[in-house]
Amino acid sequence: MEWFSPENVVAVLTAVLGVLASVGVLWYERRVPRRKRIGYRVQMDTPIGSGVSPGRANVRLGLFSETAEMSDATLVLLRIENDGSQSIAQDDYTGRGEQLHGLTAEFTGRTVRGIAVTHSAGADHLMEHFTPAAGMRHSGSLIRLPRVPLNRNEHFKLLVLLTGSHVGSPIKITGGIRDGKVATNKAARPDEKPPLFGPAARLITVALTVCVVTLAAIILVRDDTPPPIECAPGTLTVTGSTAFGPVLEEVAQKFEDKCEGATIDVDPHGSNAGIRQLDSDGAEAGNSGSPALIAFSDGPKPDGYTELRETRVAVSLFHLVVNDRVPVRNLSLDAIRKIYRGEILNWKELGGPDLRILLVSRDANSGTREVFQRRVLGRNEPAQSSRDCVTKDDAQARVIRCELDSTEQVLPRVAELDGAIGYSELRNGKDLNGLHQIAIDGTAPSVDTIDSTAYPFREIEYAYTYGRPPADSLASGFLGYLSRGSGQDVVRTHGHLPCATPKGLRICGTD
């Protein structure tokens, strides 16, 4: 074993950083005294008299235009809060002698005319302190504030009416707090909640993340040689997704060429049908082991199949296609949903020709249909209303919608019918005459930009087995060849993104 390999070094550094961060937090909690602090900030300073120079303010209300002595009136909203780590009691204020007040607010160049006080939610008890007997008073440009006890994050606000025409002139609060200080607030916006994590926590998180990502990158790229495949004799059936079928057929052929005595039968007939078959065969096998069957699905299985175990193989892209009689090249997500809800029935409503919209869809076994409903529509497609995709069998239905068994049936039908729209896996339909691809919200599907765009019509391709097959089984060897070995080249050739690549790993791990 190479003890000083790059991945081991990064792993050790990550562990050391984690230990040091934990020790640092404990030391800080025990050794560093927590500070008391009162913060303040000006949330509003605006003229309301007709004779006030607005300065930095954007409006002049002119509320006192008919009162000469108030023509230069201004309004200031001042927020005062406990933004420290400890509560502040009345005796924490350091005023001397018989001085009742705790803080002094000074409005340079202006005269205080009136004060209104509000408090934070759940802090009604604060109001009893704002009385002359408690030390609340004002004269000239000063307001004497009482010794108000404040729990952590509690605040009160002063709405102050002033005269003096000096909008934007200095406003300062002074006073003393035992084992603490009074200072201007650094909060970005009024009433903004404090950040969940402090600067130190964010720095440690970033450092740990960099270490983990570096370690993962080293492990992924340290050796480009595919792992050897585990060949085993016997027969394996591969079923499920028709969209992923072309990949499976080519991978199966290459696997058989490399593994003498191995036979791979590829029989795709829909993601849902494949999952049901796997669950049924596995239940029948009972304690005799996992059946020699792998079901591929466009997207995750339903929750009810608890015995099935997943392997994330690739990211598949899908696209909408329309008949060439419709020149539309882009549809918004909202427009697509309205089409399938029956709110838009004719292409002329979307700037196209006067053609009725015909929905050519897949049946209930289709994983592609499940992806379309989950990722694009956000709901189920409407019920089937036509058997030939042209004639409405259900007179009450709003849309003409038919269901076909496979992508190979959908695409020629869309190309044949004027006004038809359908969907398929990305590579299917590109070389067919009579139809073209539709972008969604201005974004066309592309494997090259799959991790940098918000294109919604995509899904992870899952491989499911009934339980975990033995490591030396044909099923295990085929999955390894497909998901980590040379089968990845076939996956790329067919326009899918293997999950085992750095880009695929990010998407397969978060989608």
Protein backbone atom coordinates (compact mmCIF):
# COMPACT_ATOMS: atom_id res chain seq x y z
CA MET A 1 0.00 0.00 0.00
CA GLU A 2 1.27 3.52 -0.87
CA TRP A 3 0.96 5.33 2.46
CA PHE A 4 2.07 8.67 1.01
CA SER A 5 -0.20 8.65 -2.04
CA PRO A 6 -1.87 12.01 -2.83
CA GLU A 7 -5.32 10.81 -1.76
CA ASN A 8 -3.99 9.61 1.60
CA VAL A 9 -2.22 12.91 2.23
CA VAL A 10 -5.39 14.91 1.45
CA ALA A 11 -7.48 12.54 3.59
CA VAL A 12 -5.13 13.01 6.56
CA LEU A 13 -5.14 16.80 6.12
CA THR A 14 -8.95 16.78 6.02
CA ALA A 15 -9.11 14.78 9.25
CA VAL A 16 -6.54 17.03 10.96
CA LEU A 17 -8.44 20.15 9.88
CA GLY A 18 -11.65 18.70 11.27
CA VAL A 19 -10.01 17.86 14.62
CA LEU A 20 -8.38 21.30 14.87
CA ALA A 21 -11.71 23.00 14.10
CA SER A 22 -13.44 21.01 16.86
CA VAL A 23 -10.66 21.74 19.37
CA GLY A 24 -10.70 25.41 18.39
CA VAL A 25 -14.44 25.68 18.99
CA LEU A 26 -14.14 24.05 22.43
CA TRP A 27 -11.23 26.31 23.38
CA TYR A 28 -13.10 29.38 22.22
CA GLU A 29 -16.19 28.45 24.22
CA ARG A 30 -14.14 27.88 27.39
CA ARG A 31 -11.43 30.55 27.16
CA VAL A 32 -12.70 33.47 25.11
CA PRO A 33 -15.14 35.68 27.03
CA ARG A 34 -18.40 36.36 25.29
CA ARG A 35 -19.06 40.03 24.65
CA LYS A 36 -22.06 42.17 25.43
CA ARG A 37 -22.94 44.57 22.67
CA ILE A 38 -25.62 47.09 21.71
CA GLY A 39 -25.74 47.87 18.03
CA TYR A 40 -27.62 50.64 16.30
CA ARG A 41 -28.28 51.80 12.77
CA VAL A 42 -30.30 54.45 10.97
CA GLN A 43 -33.01 52.83 8.89
CA MET A 44 -34.59 56.03 7.59
CA ASP A 45 -33.60 59.69 7.41
CA THR A 46 -35.98 61.64 5.18
CA PRO A 47 -37.35 65.19 4.83
CA ILE A 48 -41.06 65.74 5.38
CA GLY A 49 -41.16 69.55 5.34
CA SER A 50 -41.38 71.64 2.20
CA GLY A 51 -38.33 73.74 3.11
CA VAL A 52 -35.89 70.88 3.75
CA SER A 53 -32.95 70.29 1.48
CA PRO A 54 -33.33 66.58 0.59
CA GLY A 55 -29.60 65.87 0.66
CA ARG A 56 -29.23 62.10 0.11
CA ALA A 57 -32.98 61.46 0.47
CA ASN A 58 -35.02 60.68 -2.62
CA VAL A 59 -38.38 62.24 -1.65
CA ARG A 60 -39.76 65.40 -0.03
CA LEU A 61 -43.21 64.87 1.44
CA GLY A 62 -44.04 68.46 2.38
CA LEU A 63 -46.37 67.47 5.21
CA PHE A 64 -45.77 70.72 7.11
CA SER A 65 -45.77 73.18 4.23
CA GLU A 66 -48.25 75.44 6.02
CA THR A 67 -46.43 75.47 9.39
CA ALA A 68 -43.41 77.76 9.28
CA GLU A 69 -41.57 76.32 12.25
CA MET A 70 -41.95 72.78 10.91
CA SER A 71 -41.11 73.51 7.28
CA ASP A 72 -37.68 71.98 7.76
CA ALA A 73 -38.99 68.86 9.54
CA THR A 74 -37.32 65.48 9.07
CA LEU A 75 -38.09 61.93 10.20
CA VAL A 76 -35.45 59.50 11.43
CA LEU A 77 -36.04 55.81 12.18
CA LEU A 78 -33.36 54.47 14.52
CA ARG A 79 -33.03 50.77 15.39
CA ILE A 80 -31.29 49.79 18.63
CA GLU A 81 -30.72 46.10 19.39
CA ASN A 82 -28.80 43.57 21.42
CA ASP A 83 -26.62 41.98 18.73
CA GLY A 84 -24.10 40.48 21.13
CA SER A 85 -23.80 36.98 22.59
CA GLN A 86 -25.29 37.72 26.04
CA SER A 87 -28.37 39.35 27.50
CA ILE A 88 -28.08 42.90 28.86
CA ALA A 89 -29.58 43.79 32.25
CA GLN A 90 -30.31 47.26 33.67
CA ASP A 91 -27.24 47.19 35.90
CA ASP A 92 -25.01 46.45 32.88
CA TYR A 93 -25.27 50.12 31.86
CA THR A 94 -22.35 52.09 33.32
CA GLY A 95 -23.90 55.53 33.95
CA ARG A 96 -22.60 57.08 37.20
CA GLY A 97 -24.31 58.45 40.30
CA GLU A 98 -27.99 59.20 40.06
CA GLN A 99 -27.93 59.18 36.28
CA LEU A 100 -31.03 57.20 35.27
CA HIS A 101 -30.51 56.98 31.55
CA GLY A 102 -28.33 54.36 29.90
CA LEU A 103 -27.71 55.67 26.38
CA THR A 104 -27.71 59.06 24.66
CA ALA A 105 -28.76 59.58 21.04
CA GLU A 106 -27.41 62.75 19.44
CA PHE A 107 -28.78 64.25 16.20
CA THR A 108 -26.14 66.79 15.20
CA GLY A 109 -27.57 70.09 14.00
CA ARG A 110 -31.19 69.13 14.55
CA THR A 111 -33.76 69.63 17.30
CA VAL A 112 -35.91 66.78 18.61
CA ARG A 113 -39.64 67.56 18.39
CA GLY A 114 -41.28 64.22 19.13
CA ILE A 115 -40.53 60.53 19.69
CA ALA A 116 -42.44 57.30 19.08
CA VAL A 117 -41.13 53.93 20.32
CA THR A 118 -41.83 50.44 18.90
CA HIS A 119 -40.43 47.10 19.98
CA SER A 120 -39.64 43.67 18.56
CA ALA A 121 -42.26 40.94 18.50
CA GLY A 122 -42.84 39.29 21.87
CA ALA A 123 -41.11 42.09 23.78
CA ASP A 124 -44.10 44.06 25.13
CA HIS A 125 -42.36 44.36 28.50
CA LEU A 126 -39.87 46.83 27.02
CA MET A 127 -42.45 49.61 26.73
CA GLU A 128 -42.73 50.11 30.49
CA HIS A 129 -39.17 51.44 30.50
CA PHE A 130 -39.79 54.34 28.12
CA THR A 131 -41.13 56.79 30.74
CA PRO A 132 -39.69 59.99 32.22
CA ALA A 133 -39.45 58.23 35.59
CA ALA A 134 -37.21 55.57 34.02
CA GLY A 135 -34.94 58.19 32.45
CA MET A 136 -36.60 58.84 29.07
CA ARG A 137 -36.38 62.49 28.07
CA HIS A 138 -35.11 64.75 25.32
CA SER A 139 -33.79 68.28 24.94
CA GLY A 140 -32.29 70.05 21.96
CA SER A 141 -30.52 67.54 19.74
CA LEU A 142 -30.29 64.83 22.45
CA ILE A 143 -32.50 61.95 23.53
CA ARG A 144 -31.74 60.30 26.88
CA LEU A 145 -32.70 56.63 26.72
CA PRO A 146 -33.50 54.60 29.84
CA ARG A 147 -31.59 51.51 30.96
CA VAL A 148 -33.61 49.06 28.87
CA PRO A 149 -32.88 45.36 29.53
CA LEU A 150 -32.50 43.47 26.25
CA ASN A 151 -32.34 39.76 25.65
CA ARG A 152 -30.26 38.48 22.75
CA ASN A 153 -31.61 39.71 19.38
CA GLU A 154 -34.27 41.93 21.01
CA HIS A 155 -34.56 45.44 19.66
CA PHE A 156 -36.58 48.61 19.83
CA LYS A 157 -36.98 51.45 17.34
CA LEU A 158 -37.23 55.21 17.74
CA LEU A 159 -39.21 57.20 15.21
CA VAL A 160 -37.97 60.74 15.81
CA LEU A 161 -39.48 63.97 14.46
CA LEU A 162 -36.80 66.67 14.11
CA THR A 163 -36.30 70.13 12.68
CA GLY A 164 -33.10 71.62 11.41
CA SER A 165 -32.86 70.84 7.70
CA HIS A 166 -29.82 68.62 8.06
CA VAL A 167 -30.87 65.37 6.45
CA GLY A 168 -27.94 62.97 6.55
CA SER A 169 -26.12 64.83 9.32
CA PRO A 170 -24.33 62.63 11.88
CA ILE A 171 -26.44 60.52 14.26
CA LYS A 172 -24.63 58.83 17.12
CA ILE A 173 -25.50 56.82 20.20
CA THR A 174 -23.15 56.88 23.15
CA GLY A 175 -23.10 55.07 26.45
CA GLY A 176 -21.29 52.34 28.32
CA ILE A 177 -21.93 48.61 28.77
CA ARG A 178 -20.06 46.54 31.35
CA ASP A 179 -17.82 43.99 29.55
CA GLY A 180 -19.14 45.24 26.23
CA LYS A 181 -19.62 48.19 23.94
CA VAL A 182 -22.08 50.30 21.95
CA ALA A 183 -21.35 50.47 18.22
CA THR A 184 -22.94 51.02 14.86
CA ASN A 185 -24.53 47.96 13.32
CA LYS A 186 -23.02 46.19 10.34
CA ALA A 187 -26.24 44.49 9.22
CA ALA A 188 -26.89 44.82 5.49
CA ARG A 189 -30.65 45.47 5.53
CA PRO A 190 -33.34 46.41 8.05
CA ASP A 191 -34.78 43.54 10.04
CA GLU A 192 -32.49 41.07 8.31
CA LYS A 193 -32.00 37.86 10.24
CA PRO A 194 -28.43 37.23 11.38
CA PRO A 195 -26.49 34.69 9.30
CA LEU A 196 -26.82 31.09 10.41
CA PHE A 197 -23.06 30.59 10.34
CA GLY A 198 -20.35 33.04 11.31
CA PRO A 199 -17.21 33.87 9.27
CA ALA A 200 -15.12 31.26 11.07
CA ALA A 201 -17.68 28.52 10.44
CA ARG A 202 -17.93 29.48 6.77
CA LEU A 203 -14.13 29.47 6.40
CA ILE A 204 -13.83 26.01 7.99
CA THR A 205 -16.68 24.70 5.82
CA VAL A 206 -15.02 25.98 2.66
CA ALA A 207 -11.66 24.49 3.67
CA LEU A 208 -13.20 21.09 4.44
CA THR A 209 -15.17 21.16 1.18
CA VAL A 210 -12.03 21.92 -0.82
CA CYS A 211 -10.25 19.01 0.84
CA VAL A 212 -13.11 16.59 0.20
CA VAL A 213 -13.52 17.69 -3.44
CA THR A 214 -9.77 17.43 -4.01
CA LEU A 215 -9.74 13.94 -2.53
CA ALA A 216 -12.66 12.87 -4.72
CA ALA A 217 -11.01 14.36 -7.82
CA ILE A 218 -7.74 12.52 -7.11
CA ILE A 219 -9.57 9.24 -6.67
CA LEU A 220 -11.56 9.75 -9.88
CA VAL A 221 -8.70 10.81 -12.17
CA ARG A 222 -5.73 9.00 -10.70
CA ASP A 223 -6.11 6.08 -13.10
CA ASP A 224 -7.85 6.27 -16.47
CA THR A 225 -7.48 2.56 -17.09
CA PRO A 226 -10.91 0.89 -16.84
CA PRO A 227 -11.12 -1.79 -14.17
CA PRO A 228 -11.07 -5.36 -15.46
CA ILE A 229 -14.52 -6.81 -16.06
CA GLU A 230 -15.65 -9.82 -14.08
CA CYS A 231 -16.69 -12.35 -16.67
CA ALA A 232 -19.00 -15.16 -15.72
CA PRO A 233 -20.77 -17.77 -17.84
CA GLY A 234 -24.53 -17.90 -18.05
CA THR A 235 -27.47 -15.87 -19.34
CA LEU A 236 -28.55 -12.43 -18.18
CA THR A 237 -31.73 -10.62 -19.23
CA VAL A 238 -31.66 -6.82 -19.49
CA THR A 239 -35.05 -5.09 -19.68
CA GLY A 240 -36.79 -1.80 -18.91
CA SER A 241 -36.15 1.56 -20.57
CA THR A 242 -36.67 1.74 -24.33
CA ALA A 243 -34.89 5.12 -24.41
CA PHE A 244 -31.73 3.46 -23.05
CA GLY A 245 -32.26 0.35 -25.19
CA PRO A 246 -29.78 1.23 -27.99
CA VAL A 247 -27.03 1.67 -25.38
CA LEU A 248 -27.82 -1.67 -23.76
CA GLU A 249 -27.84 -3.52 -27.06
CA GLU A 250 -24.38 -2.26 -28.04
CA VAL A 251 -22.89 -2.76 -24.55
CA ALA A 252 -24.32 -6.29 -24.42
CA GLN A 253 -22.67 -7.15 -27.76
CA LYS A 254 -19.28 -5.82 -26.64
CA PHE A 255 -19.56 -7.60 -23.30
CA GLU A 256 -20.33 -10.93 -24.99
CA ASP A 257 -17.33 -10.47 -27.29
CA LYS A 258 -15.05 -10.10 -24.25
CA CYS A 259 -16.63 -12.76 -22.03
CA GLU A 260 -16.81 -16.23 -23.48
CA GLY A 261 -19.84 -18.16 -22.27
CA ALA A 262 -21.84 -15.04 -21.35
CA THR A 263 -25.16 -14.36 -23.08
CA ILE A 264 -26.98 -11.03 -22.62
CA ASP A 265 -30.62 -10.87 -23.78
CA VAL A 266 -31.78 -7.26 -24.23
CA ASP A 267 -35.57 -6.91 -24.07
CA PRO A 268 -36.57 -3.28 -23.34
CA HIS A 269 -40.32 -2.73 -23.06
CA GLY A 270 -40.69 0.27 -20.73
CA SER A 271 -39.22 1.35 -17.40
CA ASN A 272 -42.29 0.61 -15.27
CA ALA A 273 -42.90 -2.76 -16.89
CA GLY A 274 -39.26 -3.73 -16.33
CA ILE A 275 -39.39 -2.81 -12.64
CA ARG A 276 -42.59 -4.80 -12.14
CA GLN A 277 -41.06 -7.83 -13.88
CA LEU A 278 -37.90 -7.64 -11.74
CA ASP A 279 -39.90 -7.40 -8.52
CA SER A 280 -42.11 -10.32 -9.53
CA ASP A 281 -39.20 -12.57 -10.58
CA GLY A 282 -37.30 -11.73 -7.42
CA ALA A 283 -40.27 -12.56 -5.19
CA GLU A 284 -40.73 -15.88 -6.97
CA ALA A 285 -37.03 -16.74 -6.57
CA GLY A 286 -37.36 -16.33 -2.79
CA ASN A 287 -34.23 -17.47 -0.96
CA SER A 288 -32.59 -18.89 -4.08
CA GLY A 289 -30.85 -15.59 -4.76
CA SER A 290 -31.14 -12.57 -7.01
CA PRO A 291 -32.60 -13.44 -10.45
CA ALA A 292 -30.38 -12.97 -13.50
CA LEU A 293 -32.30 -9.86 -14.49
CA ILE A 294 -31.48 -6.15 -14.56
CA ALA A 295 -34.21 -3.53 -15.08
CA PHE A 296 -33.25 -0.09 -16.37
CA SER A 297 -35.45 2.87 -15.55
CA ASP A 298 -35.62 6.50 -16.68
CA GLY A 299 -35.71 7.94 -13.18
CA PRO A 300 -36.12 6.40 -9.73
CA LYS A 301 -38.42 3.48 -9.00
CA PRO A 302 -41.67 3.90 -7.03
CA ASP A 303 -41.25 3.64 -3.25
CA GLY A 304 -43.18 0.39 -2.98
CA TYR A 305 -40.43 -1.80 -4.45
CA THR A 306 -38.32 -2.06 -1.32
CA GLU A 307 -36.20 -5.06 -2.37
CA LEU A 308 -34.79 -3.41 -5.49
CA ARG A 309 -31.29 -1.97 -5.29
CA GLU A 310 -30.13 0.83 -7.57
CA THR A 311 -27.00 1.68 -9.52
CA ARG A 312 -26.89 5.15 -11.09
CA VAL A 313 -25.52 4.67 -14.58
CA ALA A 314 -25.89 7.83 -16.65
CA VAL A 315 -27.70 11.11 -17.16
CA SER A 316 -30.10 10.97 -20.11
CA LEU A 317 -31.40 13.98 -22.01
CA PHE A 318 -34.80 14.07 -23.69
CA HIS A 319 -36.42 16.53 -26.06
CA LEU A 320 -39.74 17.63 -27.50
CA VAL A 321 -40.22 17.25 -31.25
CA VAL A 322 -42.86 18.75 -33.55
CA ASN A 323 -43.98 18.17 -37.11
CA ASP A 324 -42.14 20.28 -39.70
CA ARG A 325 -45.38 22.00 -40.73
CA VAL A 326 -45.05 23.86 -37.43
CA PRO A 327 -42.14 26.36 -37.69
CA VAL A 328 -42.02 26.96 -33.93
CA ARG A 329 -38.51 26.30 -32.56
CA ASN A 330 -38.91 27.30 -28.93
CA LEU A 331 -41.65 26.98 -26.31
CA SER A 332 -41.77 28.30 -22.78
CA LEU A 333 -42.34 25.84 -19.97
CA ASP A 334 -45.64 27.59 -19.28
CA ALA A 335 -46.78 27.20 -22.90
CA ILE A 336 -45.94 23.47 -22.89
CA ARG A 337 -47.99 22.95 -19.75
CA LYS A 338 -50.92 24.87 -21.23
CA ILE A 339 -50.79 22.69 -24.35
CA TYR A 340 -51.00 19.51 -22.30
CA ARG A 341 -53.75 20.96 -20.08
CA GLY A 342 -55.81 21.74 -23.16
CA GLU A 343 -55.63 25.51 -22.66
CA ILE A 344 -53.84 26.00 -26.01
CA LEU A 345 -55.39 23.91 -28.80
CA ASN A 346 -54.04 25.48 -32.01
CA TRP A 347 -50.52 26.40 -33.10
CA LYS A 348 -51.70 29.82 -34.27
CA GLU A 349 -52.03 30.78 -30.59
CA LEU A 350 -48.24 30.39 -30.36
CA GLY A 351 -47.36 32.20 -33.57
CA GLY A 352 -47.57 29.12 -35.79
CA PRO A 353 -49.92 28.02 -38.56
CA ASP A 354 -53.64 27.36 -38.19
CA LEU A 355 -53.21 23.68 -37.22
CA ARG A 356 -54.84 21.77 -34.39
CA ILE A 357 -52.30 20.46 -31.86
CA LEU A 358 -52.08 16.65 -31.77
CA LEU A 359 -50.40 15.05 -28.73
CA VAL A 360 -48.50 11.85 -29.59
CA SER A 361 -47.48 10.27 -26.28
CA ARG A 362 -46.18 7.09 -24.71
CA ASP A 363 -48.16 4.53 -22.71
CA ALA A 364 -48.16 4.11 -18.93
CA ASN A 365 -45.15 1.72 -18.99
CA SER A 366 -42.88 4.39 -20.41
CA GLY A 367 -40.11 5.86 -18.29
CA THR A 368 -39.73 8.68 -20.81
CA ARG A 369 -43.35 9.63 -20.15
CA GLU A 370 -42.68 9.55 -16.38
CA VAL A 371 -39.71 11.91 -16.85
CA PHE A 372 -41.79 14.25 -19.02
CA GLN A 373 -44.56 14.39 -16.43
CA ARG A 374 -42.22 14.82 -13.47
CA ARG A 375 -39.64 17.18 -14.93
CA VAL A 376 -41.62 19.23 -17.46
CA LEU A 377 -45.37 19.11 -16.80
CA GLY A 378 -45.29 18.78 -13.04
CA ARG A 379 -48.42 16.63 -13.32
CA ASN A 380 -49.82 13.68 -15.29
CA GLU A 381 -50.64 13.96 -18.97
CA PRO A 382 -54.34 14.10 -19.86
CA ALA A 383 -56.16 10.84 -20.55
CA GLN A 384 -55.93 9.16 -23.94
CA SER A 385 -58.68 10.46 -26.22
CA SER A 386 -57.69 8.99 -29.58
CA ARG A 387 -56.52 5.64 -30.91
CA ASP A 388 -55.24 6.88 -34.28
CA CYS A 389 -53.81 10.23 -33.02
CA VAL A 390 -56.16 12.11 -35.39
CA THR A 391 -59.77 11.32 -34.47
CA LYS A 392 -61.11 12.26 -31.04
CA ASP A 393 -62.81 9.17 -29.57
CA ASP A 394 -63.89 11.01 -26.41
CA ALA A 395 -66.06 13.96 -27.36
CA GLN A 396 -65.65 15.47 -23.86
CA ALA A 397 -61.86 15.54 -24.04
CA ARG A 398 -60.25 18.92 -24.63
CA VAL A 399 -57.22 17.58 -26.50
CA ILE A 400 -56.51 14.90 -29.08
CA ARG A 401 -53.98 12.61 -27.43
CA CYS A 402 -52.91 9.08 -28.36
CA GLU A 403 -50.55 6.63 -26.64
CA LEU A 404 -47.99 4.47 -28.44
CA ASP A 405 -45.83 1.61 -27.19
CA SER A 406 -42.32 2.87 -28.03
CA THR A 407 -40.21 5.78 -29.17
CA GLU A 408 -39.83 4.02 -32.53
CA GLN A 409 -43.59 4.39 -32.98
CA VAL A 410 -43.88 7.96 -31.64
CA LEU A 411 -41.34 9.68 -33.88
CA PRO A 412 -42.63 8.51 -37.30
CA ARG A 413 -46.17 9.37 -36.21
CA VAL A 414 -45.16 12.93 -35.27
CA ALA A 415 -43.36 13.31 -38.62
CA GLU A 416 -46.45 12.06 -40.46
CA LEU A 417 -49.18 14.16 -38.78
CA ASP A 418 -49.44 17.92 -39.41
CA GLY A 419 -49.51 19.78 -36.07
CA ALA A 420 -48.29 16.81 -34.02
CA ILE A 421 -45.97 17.12 -31.00
CA GLY A 422 -44.23 14.32 -29.08
CA TYR A 423 -41.11 13.52 -27.08
CA SER A 424 -38.20 11.09 -27.07
CA GLU A 425 -34.68 10.42 -25.83
CA LEU A 426 -32.30 13.05 -27.28
CA ARG A 427 -30.48 11.11 -29.99
CA ASN A 428 -33.69 9.61 -31.33
CA GLY A 429 -35.43 11.85 -33.84
CA LYS A 430 -32.40 13.90 -34.87
CA ASP A 431 -31.95 12.15 -38.20
CA LEU A 432 -35.63 11.70 -39.10
CA ASN A 433 -37.27 13.78 -41.80
CA GLY A 434 -40.54 15.56 -41.14
CA LEU A 435 -39.94 16.74 -37.58
CA HIS A 436 -37.58 18.99 -35.59
CA GLN A 437 -36.51 19.63 -32.01
CA ILE A 438 -38.06 22.23 -29.70
CA ALA A 439 -36.00 24.27 -27.20
CA ILE A 440 -37.51 24.89 -23.76
CA ASP A 441 -37.33 28.47 -22.47
CA GLY A 442 -34.67 29.18 -25.09
CA THR A 443 -32.38 26.30 -24.03
CA ALA A 444 -31.68 23.35 -26.31
CA PRO A 445 -30.58 20.04 -24.75
CA SER A 446 -26.83 19.34 -24.91
CA VAL A 447 -24.56 16.96 -23.02
CA ASP A 448 -21.79 19.58 -23.26
CA THR A 449 -23.79 22.12 -21.24
CA ILE A 450 -25.88 19.78 -19.10
CA ASP A 451 -24.26 20.97 -15.85
CA SER A 452 -24.47 24.69 -16.63
CA THR A 453 -28.05 25.15 -17.88
CA ALA A 454 -31.49 24.79 -16.32
CA TYR A 455 -32.81 22.57 -19.12
CA PRO A 456 -35.49 20.53 -17.30
CA PHE A 457 -36.11 17.51 -19.57
CA ARG A 458 -33.37 15.21 -18.24
CA GLU A 459 -33.17 12.30 -15.86
CA ILE A 460 -30.78 9.84 -14.26
CA GLU A 461 -30.78 6.35 -15.77
CA TYR A 462 -31.02 3.75 -12.99
CA ALA A 463 -30.12 0.07 -13.14
CA TYR A 464 -32.07 -2.06 -10.65
CA THR A 465 -31.38 -5.55 -9.31
CA TYR A 466 -33.39 -7.61 -6.84
CA GLY A 467 -31.13 -7.27 -3.82
CA ARG A 468 -27.39 -7.17 -4.41
CA PRO A 469 -26.16 -9.80 -6.85
CA PRO A 470 -22.99 -11.70 -5.84
CA ALA A 471 -19.74 -9.97 -6.79
CA ASP A 472 -18.74 -12.86 -9.08
CA SER A 473 -22.12 -13.02 -10.86
CA LEU A 474 -22.80 -12.14 -14.48
CA ALA A 475 -25.18 -9.36 -13.38
CA SER A 476 -22.50 -7.74 -11.21
CA GLY A 477 -19.89 -8.00 -13.98
CA PHE A 478 -22.20 -6.47 -16.58
CA LEU A 479 -23.12 -3.54 -14.29
CA GLY A 480 -19.45 -2.88 -13.57
CA TYR A 481 -18.60 -2.95 -17.27
CA LEU A 482 -21.44 -0.57 -18.09
CA SER A 483 -21.12 1.93 -15.23
CA ARG A 484 -17.36 1.97 -14.58
CA GLY A 485 -15.63 0.12 -17.40
CA SER A 486 -15.39 0.37 -21.17
CA GLY A 487 -19.18 0.48 -21.44
CA GLN A 488 -18.95 4.18 -20.54
CA ASP A 489 -17.58 4.87 -24.02
CA VAL A 490 -20.76 3.42 -25.52
CA VAL A 491 -22.86 5.52 -23.14
CA ARG A 492 -21.08 8.68 -24.37
CA THR A 493 -21.41 7.68 -28.01
CA HIS A 494 -25.18 7.50 -27.66
CA GLY A 495 -25.38 11.01 -26.18
CA HIS A 496 -25.65 10.15 -22.47
CA LEU A 497 -23.37 11.35 -19.68
CA PRO A 498 -21.86 8.53 -17.55
CA CYS A 499 -22.37 9.04 -13.82
CA ALA A 500 -18.81 7.89 -13.10
CA THR A 501 -17.27 10.96 -14.78
CA PRO A 502 -16.51 14.09 -12.69
CA LYS A 503 -19.33 16.06 -14.36
CA GLY A 504 -21.72 13.12 -14.16
CA LEU A 505 -20.83 12.48 -10.53
CA ARG A 506 -21.96 16.00 -9.58
CA ILE A 507 -25.30 15.65 -11.36
CA CYS A 508 -26.02 12.03 -10.38
CA GLY A 509 -25.27 12.84 -6.76
CA THR A 510 -27.62 15.84 -6.52
CA ASP A 511 -30.54 15.29 -8.94
